[in-house]
Amino acid sequence: MRYGHRSRESGNLIDMYRTSRSEGFGPEVKRRIMLGTYVLSAGYYDAYYLKAQKVRTLITRDFTEAFKKVDLILTPTTPTPAWRLGSFEDDPVSMYLQDIFTVTVNLSGVPAVSVPAGMVDGLPVGIQLIGRHFDESTILKAASKLEGEVQE
């Protein structure tokens, strides 16, 4: 292991891998790894993964079509303002839903940036700018302009 956490509490290579993963990954990372492993396991590959690949293609097409009409897409970064630390500890599904506006960007591979957009009830709110494939310069210029407006 060259990068990341490396446990010092191990006597051999196998123990080092096991303890490094146990110490280095928190409960949320472990939960997401287990979900991914389940979805990719035998019997579920066709049901989930192949369908997800098809959906990803459709999402990418939708972005390509949208960018024939507009230069940028602006969305909230999350459906709510930032949440207090630990508030979703017992409700991981609600926490996952906070990613809803960023998932399609990640699936399609288009560039996006989140910019602070002020405060609501003392908690920060972000907006997301989405651009065409390989057009990071446009979203970064717009993000810089918007961020300057928010701070003024």
C-alpha atoms as a PDB file:
ATOM      1  CA  MET A   1       0.000   0.000   0.000  1.00  0.00           C
ATOM      2  CA  ARG A   2       1.526   3.247  -1.118  1.00  0.00           C
ATOM      3  CA  TYR A   3      -1.340   5.678  -0.571  1.00  0.00           C
ATOM      4  CA  GLY A   4      -3.994   6.206   2.054  1.00  0.00           C
ATOM      5  CA  HIS A   5      -4.209   4.950   5.600  1.00  0.00           C
ATOM      6  CA  ARG A   6      -1.861   2.134   6.559  1.00  0.00           C
ATOM      7  CA  SER A   7      -2.372   0.390   9.877  1.00  0.00           C
ATOM      8  CA  ARG A   8       0.628   0.003  12.141  1.00  0.00           C
ATOM      9  CA  GLU A   9      -1.184  -2.652  14.209  1.00  0.00           C
ATOM     10  CA  SER A  10      -0.539  -5.663  11.998  1.00  0.00           C
ATOM     11  CA  GLY A  11       1.874  -8.558  11.995  1.00  0.00           C
ATOM     12  CA  ASN A  12       1.596  -9.700   8.367  1.00  0.00           C
ATOM     13  CA  LEU A  13       0.355  -8.491   4.988  1.00  0.00           C
ATOM     14  CA  ILE A  14      -3.194  -9.888   5.261  1.00  0.00           C
ATOM     15  CA  ASP A  15      -3.640  -8.421   8.754  1.00  0.00           C
ATOM     16  CA  MET A  16      -2.277  -5.094   7.545  1.00  0.00           C
ATOM     17  CA  TYR A  17      -4.889  -4.941   4.733  1.00  0.00           C
ATOM     18  CA  ARG A  18      -7.700  -5.994   7.061  1.00  0.00           C
ATOM     19  CA  THR A  19      -6.853  -3.555   9.849  1.00  0.00           C
ATOM     20  CA  SER A  20      -6.102  -0.705   7.426  1.00  0.00           C
ATOM     21  CA  ARG A  21      -9.559  -1.038   5.884  1.00  0.00           C
ATOM     22  CA  SER A  22     -11.234  -1.375   9.279  1.00  0.00           C
ATOM     23  CA  GLU A  23      -9.478   1.656  10.731  1.00  0.00           C
ATOM     24  CA  GLY A  24      -9.426   3.811   7.592  1.00  0.00           C
ATOM     25  CA  PHE A  25     -13.040   3.483   6.451  1.00  0.00           C
ATOM     26  CA  GLY A  26     -15.823   5.013   8.520  1.00  0.00           C
ATOM     27  CA  PRO A  27     -19.327   3.542   8.795  1.00  0.00           C
ATOM     28  CA  GLU A  28     -20.677   5.478   5.777  1.00  0.00           C
ATOM     29  CA  VAL A  29     -17.883   4.343   3.448  1.00  0.00           C
ATOM     30  CA  LYS A  30     -18.321   0.752   4.607  1.00  0.00           C
ATOM     31  CA  ARG A  31     -22.088   1.001   3.997  1.00  0.00           C
ATOM     32  CA  ARG A  32     -21.559   2.295   0.440  1.00  0.00           C
ATOM     33  CA  ILE A  33     -18.986  -0.413  -0.304  1.00  0.00           C
ATOM     34  CA  MET A  34     -21.441  -3.070   0.864  1.00  0.00           C
ATOM     35  CA  LEU A  35     -24.235  -1.618  -1.301  1.00  0.00           C
ATOM     36  CA  GLY A  36     -21.950  -1.563  -4.335  1.00  0.00           C
ATOM     37  CA  THR A  37     -20.765  -5.105  -3.690  1.00  0.00           C
ATOM     38  CA  TYR A  38     -24.364  -6.292  -3.378  1.00  0.00           C
ATOM     39  CA  VAL A  39     -25.456  -4.650  -6.616  1.00  0.00           C
ATOM     40  CA  LEU A  40     -22.506  -6.087  -8.547  1.00  0.00           C
ATOM     41  CA  SER A  41     -22.826  -9.575  -7.079  1.00  0.00           C
ATOM     42  CA  ALA A  42     -23.879 -12.571  -9.175  1.00  0.00           C
ATOM     43  CA  GLY A  43     -27.582 -12.572  -9.915  1.00  0.00           C
ATOM     44  CA  TYR A  44     -27.929  -8.819  -9.527  1.00  0.00           C
ATOM     45  CA  TYR A  45     -25.468  -7.701 -12.196  1.00  0.00           C
ATOM     46  CA  ASP A  46     -28.038  -7.916 -14.998  1.00  0.00           C
ATOM     47  CA  ALA A  47     -30.853  -6.545 -12.874  1.00  0.00           C
ATOM     48  CA  TYR A  48     -28.999  -3.460 -11.653  1.00  0.00           C
ATOM     49  CA  TYR A  49     -25.669  -2.756 -13.307  1.00  0.00           C
ATOM     50  CA  LEU A  50     -26.640  -3.249 -16.942  1.00  0.00           C
ATOM     51  CA  LYS A  51     -29.816  -1.209 -16.464  1.00  0.00           C
ATOM     52  CA  ALA A  52     -27.809   1.506 -14.743  1.00  0.00           C
ATOM     53  CA  GLN A  53     -25.450   1.636 -17.735  1.00  0.00           C
ATOM     54  CA  LYS A  54     -28.442   2.180 -20.032  1.00  0.00           C
ATOM     55  CA  VAL A  55     -29.810   4.924 -17.791  1.00  0.00           C
ATOM     56  CA  ARG A  56     -26.405   6.606 -17.772  1.00  0.00           C
ATOM     57  CA  THR A  57     -26.431   6.695 -21.571  1.00  0.00           C
ATOM     58  CA  LEU A  58     -29.893   8.293 -21.554  1.00  0.00           C
ATOM     59  CA  ILE A  59     -28.830  10.922 -18.997  1.00  0.00           C
ATOM     60  CA  THR A  60     -25.760  11.793 -21.073  1.00  0.00           C
ATOM     61  CA  ARG A  61     -27.967  12.214 -24.157  1.00  0.00           C
ATOM     62  CA  ASP A  62     -30.305  14.494 -22.208  1.00  0.00           C
ATOM     63  CA  PHE A  63     -27.421  16.761 -21.217  1.00  0.00           C
ATOM     64  CA  THR A  64     -26.110  16.816 -24.796  1.00  0.00           C
ATOM     65  CA  GLU A  65     -29.566  17.867 -26.051  1.00  0.00           C
ATOM     66  CA  ALA A  66     -29.950  20.527 -23.350  1.00  0.00           C
ATOM     67  CA  PHE A  67     -26.584  22.074 -24.200  1.00  0.00           C
ATOM     68  CA  LYS A  68     -27.716  22.580 -27.791  1.00  0.00           C
ATOM     69  CA  LYS A  69     -30.055  25.232 -26.338  1.00  0.00           C
ATOM     70  CA  VAL A  70     -28.172  26.643 -23.316  1.00  0.00           C
ATOM     71  CA  ASP A  71     -24.588  27.305 -22.266  1.00  0.00           C
ATOM     72  CA  LEU A  72     -24.981  26.418 -18.580  1.00  0.00           C
ATOM     73  CA  ILE A  73     -27.488  24.758 -16.273  1.00  0.00           C
ATOM     74  CA  LEU A  74     -27.946  26.124 -12.761  1.00  0.00           C
ATOM     75  CA  THR A  75     -29.411  23.925 -10.018  1.00  0.00           C
ATOM     76  CA  PRO A  76     -29.298  23.768  -6.255  1.00  0.00           C
ATOM     77  CA  THR A  77     -26.390  21.652  -5.050  1.00  0.00           C
ATOM     78  CA  THR A  78     -28.623  19.915  -2.505  1.00  0.00           C
ATOM     79  CA  PRO A  79     -32.390  19.983  -1.933  1.00  0.00           C
ATOM     80  CA  THR A  80     -31.935  21.582   1.511  1.00  0.00           C
ATOM     81  CA  PRO A  81     -29.445  23.903   3.174  1.00  0.00           C
ATOM     82  CA  ALA A  82     -26.468  22.220   4.807  1.00  0.00           C
ATOM     83  CA  TRP A  83     -27.507  19.961   7.650  1.00  0.00           C
ATOM     84  CA  ARG A  84     -26.137  19.828  11.126  1.00  0.00           C
ATOM     85  CA  LEU A  85     -23.425  17.222  11.719  1.00  0.00           C
ATOM     86  CA  GLY A  86     -24.967  13.908  12.765  1.00  0.00           C
ATOM     87  CA  SER A  87     -28.552  14.857  11.847  1.00  0.00           C
ATOM     88  CA  PHE A  88     -28.830  12.021   9.283  1.00  0.00           C
ATOM     89  CA  GLU A  89     -26.931   9.451  11.342  1.00  0.00           C
ATOM     90  CA  ASP A  90     -30.031   7.273  11.814  1.00  0.00           C
ATOM     91  CA  ASP A  91     -31.486   7.937   8.359  1.00  0.00           C
ATOM     92  CA  PRO A  92     -28.916   7.147   5.633  1.00  0.00           C
ATOM     93  CA  VAL A  93     -31.565   7.153   2.879  1.00  0.00           C
ATOM     94  CA  SER A  94     -32.419  10.795   3.584  1.00  0.00           C
ATOM     95  CA  MET A  95     -28.709  11.570   3.591  1.00  0.00           C
ATOM     96  CA  TYR A  96     -28.270   9.860   0.197  1.00  0.00           C
ATOM     97  CA  LEU A  97     -31.128  11.960  -1.189  1.00  0.00           C
ATOM     98  CA  GLN A  98     -29.061  15.058  -0.478  1.00  0.00           C
ATOM     99  CA  ASP A  99     -26.928  14.002  -3.482  1.00  0.00           C
ATOM    100  CA  ILE A 100     -29.886  13.949  -5.876  1.00  0.00           C
ATOM    101  CA  PHE A 101     -28.824  17.038  -7.882  1.00  0.00           C
ATOM    102  CA  THR A 102     -25.218  15.901  -8.280  1.00  0.00           C
ATOM    103  CA  VAL A 103     -25.823  12.269  -9.256  1.00  0.00           C
ATOM    104  CA  THR A 104     -26.730  12.923 -12.901  1.00  0.00           C
ATOM    105  CA  VAL A 105     -23.646  15.084 -13.355  1.00  0.00           C
ATOM    106  CA  ASN A 106     -21.421  12.321 -12.028  1.00  0.00           C
ATOM    107  CA  LEU A 107     -23.116   9.685 -14.175  1.00  0.00           C
ATOM    108  CA  SER A 108     -22.875  11.680 -17.391  1.00  0.00           C
ATOM    109  CA  GLY A 109     -19.365  13.017 -16.912  1.00  0.00           C
ATOM    110  CA  VAL A 110     -20.229  16.657 -17.573  1.00  0.00           C
ATOM    111  CA  PRO A 111     -18.289  19.229 -15.547  1.00  0.00           C
ATOM    112  CA  ALA A 112     -19.970  20.973 -12.630  1.00  0.00           C
ATOM    113  CA  VAL A 113     -19.017  23.221  -9.762  1.00  0.00           C
ATOM    114  CA  SER A 114     -20.789  24.104  -6.536  1.00  0.00           C
ATOM    115  CA  VAL A 115     -20.688  27.717  -5.409  1.00  0.00           C
ATOM    116  CA  PRO A 116     -21.767  29.206  -2.068  1.00  0.00           C
ATOM    117  CA  ALA A 117     -25.040  31.089  -2.545  1.00  0.00           C
ATOM    118  CA  GLY A 118     -25.752  32.540   0.873  1.00  0.00           C
ATOM    119  CA  MET A 119     -27.315  31.354   4.091  1.00  0.00           C
ATOM    120  CA  VAL A 120     -30.738  30.064   5.155  1.00  0.00           C
ATOM    121  CA  ASP A 121     -31.458  29.917   8.883  1.00  0.00           C
ATOM    122  CA  GLY A 122     -27.748  30.242   9.575  1.00  0.00           C
ATOM    123  CA  LEU A 123     -26.819  27.312   7.321  1.00  0.00           C
ATOM    124  CA  PRO A 124     -24.996  27.604   3.979  1.00  0.00           C
ATOM    125  CA  VAL A 125     -26.740  26.998   0.666  1.00  0.00           C
ATOM    126  CA  GLY A 126     -24.966  26.096  -2.562  1.00  0.00           C
ATOM    127  CA  ILE A 127     -25.801  26.344  -6.236  1.00  0.00           C
ATOM    128  CA  GLN A 128     -24.374  24.076  -8.908  1.00  0.00           C
ATOM    129  CA  LEU A 129     -23.326  25.155 -12.371  1.00  0.00           C
ATOM    130  CA  ILE A 130     -23.260  22.403 -14.988  1.00  0.00           C
ATOM    131  CA  GLY A 131     -21.528  22.752 -18.359  1.00  0.00           C
ATOM    132  CA  ARG A 132     -20.826  20.954 -21.589  1.00  0.00           C
ATOM    133  CA  HIS A 133     -18.352  18.089 -21.740  1.00  0.00           C
ATOM    134  CA  PHE A 134     -14.783  19.454 -21.674  1.00  0.00           C
ATOM    135  CA  ASP A 135     -15.949  23.057 -21.142  1.00  0.00           C
ATOM    136  CA  GLU A 136     -14.716  23.571 -17.611  1.00  0.00           C
ATOM    137  CA  SER A 137     -13.545  27.095 -18.411  1.00  0.00           C
ATOM    138  CA  THR A 138     -17.116  28.329 -18.938  1.00  0.00           C
ATOM    139  CA  ILE A 139     -18.419  26.980 -15.625  1.00  0.00           C
ATOM    140  CA  LEU A 140     -15.367  28.227 -13.736  1.00  0.00           C
ATOM    141  CA  LYS A 141     -15.728  31.754 -15.169  1.00  0.00           C
ATOM    142  CA  ALA A 142     -19.442  31.802 -14.316  1.00  0.00           C
ATOM    143  CA  ALA A 143     -18.766  30.368 -10.841  1.00  0.00           C
ATOM    144  CA  SER A 144     -16.181  33.068 -10.158  1.00  0.00           C
ATOM    145  CA  LYS A 145     -18.623  35.767 -11.235  1.00  0.00           C
ATOM    146  CA  LEU A 146     -21.457  34.322  -9.123  1.00  0.00           C
ATOM    147  CA  GLU A 147     -19.261  33.876  -6.087  1.00  0.00           C
ATOM    148  CA  GLY A 148     -18.205  37.518  -6.366  1.00  0.00           C
ATOM    149  CA  GLU A 149     -21.847  38.590  -6.491  1.00  0.00           C
ATOM    150  CA  VAL A 150     -22.771  36.576  -3.400  1.00  0.00           C
ATOM    151  CA  GLN A 151     -19.891  38.031  -1.374  1.00  0.00           C
ATOM    152  CA  GLU A 152     -20.645  41.656  -2.290  1.00  0.00           C
END
